[in-house]
Amino acid sequence: MTDTELRAESFEIAWKYLDQSGLLTGEHKEAARFILNRIDRMMLRGERRRLLLSNAAIDAYRMRPQLVTLSA
């Protein structure tokens, strides 16, 4: 499996889980960027286990700081 395939499959697993569980919030483009960034950073460190990549991305997304909009 190539790195491109590994990245795509890991992203798809994470995305499907977050989408089906109702955890995807806000702008989908930003959510995708966040998930891919997490997967990319782990791959740069040598990680090649698909489920570990996707699960780490899911955990990072779930724990990310939420932006709060204060109304005046």
C-alpha atoms as a PDB file:
ATOM      1  CA  MET A   1       0.000   0.000   0.000  1.00  0.00           C
ATOM      2  CA  THR A   2       1.365   3.403  -0.947  1.00  0.00           C
ATOM      3  CA  ASP A   3       1.496   6.337   1.459  1.00  0.00           C
ATOM      4  CA  THR A   4      -1.207   8.070  -0.583  1.00  0.00           C
ATOM      5  CA  GLU A   5      -3.514   5.062  -0.250  1.00  0.00           C
ATOM      6  CA  LEU A   6      -2.746   4.726   3.456  1.00  0.00           C
ATOM      7  CA  ARG A   7      -3.506   8.419   4.006  1.00  0.00           C
ATOM      8  CA  ALA A   8      -6.768   8.206   2.059  1.00  0.00           C
ATOM      9  CA  GLU A   9      -7.971   5.040   3.813  1.00  0.00           C
ATOM     10  CA  SER A  10      -7.088   6.380   7.260  1.00  0.00           C
ATOM     11  CA  PHE A  11      -8.920   9.612   6.499  1.00  0.00           C
ATOM     12  CA  GLU A  12     -11.981   7.770   5.203  1.00  0.00           C
ATOM     13  CA  ILE A  13     -12.214   5.612   8.338  1.00  0.00           C
ATOM     14  CA  ALA A  14     -11.942   8.656  10.611  1.00  0.00           C
ATOM     15  CA  TRP A  15     -14.376  10.731   8.532  1.00  0.00           C
ATOM     16  CA  LYS A  16     -17.031   8.012   8.372  1.00  0.00           C
ATOM     17  CA  TYR A  17     -16.845   7.399  12.099  1.00  0.00           C
ATOM     18  CA  LEU A  18     -17.083  11.089  12.998  1.00  0.00           C
ATOM     19  CA  ASP A  19     -19.868  11.688  10.488  1.00  0.00           C
ATOM     20  CA  GLN A  20     -21.970   8.685  11.517  1.00  0.00           C
ATOM     21  CA  SER A  21     -21.542   9.459  15.204  1.00  0.00           C
ATOM     22  CA  GLY A  22     -22.662  13.053  14.705  1.00  0.00           C
ATOM     23  CA  LEU A  23     -19.365  14.460  15.954  1.00  0.00           C
ATOM     24  CA  LEU A  24     -18.521  16.415  12.793  1.00  0.00           C
ATOM     25  CA  THR A  25     -19.276  20.026  13.546  1.00  0.00           C
ATOM     26  CA  GLY A  26     -18.673  23.305  11.816  1.00  0.00           C
ATOM     27  CA  GLU A  27     -17.139  23.702   8.385  1.00  0.00           C
ATOM     28  CA  HIS A  28     -16.389  20.319   6.784  1.00  0.00           C
ATOM     29  CA  LYS A  29     -13.402  21.720   4.898  1.00  0.00           C
ATOM     30  CA  GLU A  30     -11.743  22.742   8.160  1.00  0.00           C
ATOM     31  CA  ALA A  31     -12.615  19.412   9.788  1.00  0.00           C
ATOM     32  CA  ALA A  32     -11.042  17.540   6.860  1.00  0.00           C
ATOM     33  CA  ARG A  33      -7.926  19.701   7.087  1.00  0.00           C
ATOM     34  CA  PHE A  34      -7.663  19.004  10.833  1.00  0.00           C
ATOM     35  CA  ILE A  35      -8.008  15.235  10.380  1.00  0.00           C
ATOM     36  CA  LEU A  36      -5.529  15.075   7.499  1.00  0.00           C
ATOM     37  CA  ASN A  37      -3.040  17.218   9.393  1.00  0.00           C
ATOM     38  CA  ARG A  38      -3.072  14.767  12.291  1.00  0.00           C
ATOM     39  CA  ILE A  39      -2.652  11.768   9.961  1.00  0.00           C
ATOM     40  CA  ASP A  40       0.151  13.504   8.032  1.00  0.00           C
ATOM     41  CA  ARG A  41       2.094  14.375  11.192  1.00  0.00           C
ATOM     42  CA  MET A  42       1.966  10.779  12.378  1.00  0.00           C
ATOM     43  CA  MET A  43       2.998   9.448   8.982  1.00  0.00           C
ATOM     44  CA  LEU A  44       5.964  11.828   8.928  1.00  0.00           C
ATOM     45  CA  ARG A  45       7.091  10.209  12.187  1.00  0.00           C
ATOM     46  CA  GLY A  46       6.919   6.786  10.534  1.00  0.00           C
ATOM     47  CA  GLU A  47       3.521   5.472  11.603  1.00  0.00           C
ATOM     48  CA  ARG A  48       2.018   3.130   8.989  1.00  0.00           C
ATOM     49  CA  ARG A  49      -0.765   1.344  10.884  1.00  0.00           C
ATOM     50  CA  ARG A  50      -4.034   2.449   9.282  1.00  0.00           C
ATOM     51  CA  LEU A  51      -6.275   1.994  12.316  1.00  0.00           C
ATOM     52  CA  LEU A  52      -3.837   3.718  14.630  1.00  0.00           C
ATOM     53  CA  LEU A  53      -3.707   6.682  12.232  1.00  0.00           C
ATOM     54  CA  SER A  54      -7.487   6.918  11.947  1.00  0.00           C
ATOM     55  CA  ASN A  55      -8.132   6.407  15.669  1.00  0.00           C
ATOM     56  CA  ALA A  56      -5.568   9.039  16.633  1.00  0.00           C
ATOM     57  CA  ALA A  57      -7.170  11.483  14.202  1.00  0.00           C
ATOM     58  CA  ILE A  58     -10.610  10.736  15.691  1.00  0.00           C
ATOM     59  CA  ASP A  59      -9.333  11.259  19.235  1.00  0.00           C
ATOM     60  CA  ALA A  60      -7.572  14.494  18.302  1.00  0.00           C
ATOM     61  CA  TYR A  61     -10.706  15.803  16.587  1.00  0.00           C
ATOM     62  CA  ARG A  62     -12.877  14.944  19.576  1.00  0.00           C
ATOM     63  CA  MET A  63     -10.493  16.699  21.982  1.00  0.00           C
ATOM     64  CA  ARG A  64      -9.733  19.762  19.851  1.00  0.00           C
ATOM     65  CA  PRO A  65     -10.548  23.128  21.364  1.00  0.00           C
ATOM     66  CA  GLN A  66     -13.969  24.353  20.345  1.00  0.00           C
ATOM     67  CA  LEU A  67     -14.242  27.888  19.031  1.00  0.00           C
ATOM     68  CA  VAL A  68     -16.863  29.782  20.974  1.00  0.00           C
ATOM     69  CA  THR A  69     -18.727  32.666  19.424  1.00  0.00           C
ATOM     70  CA  LEU A  70     -19.941  35.148  21.987  1.00  0.00           C
ATOM     71  CA  SER A  71     -23.037  37.093  21.087  1.00  0.00           C
ATOM     72  CA  ALA A  72     -23.097  40.744  22.073  1.00  0.00           C
END
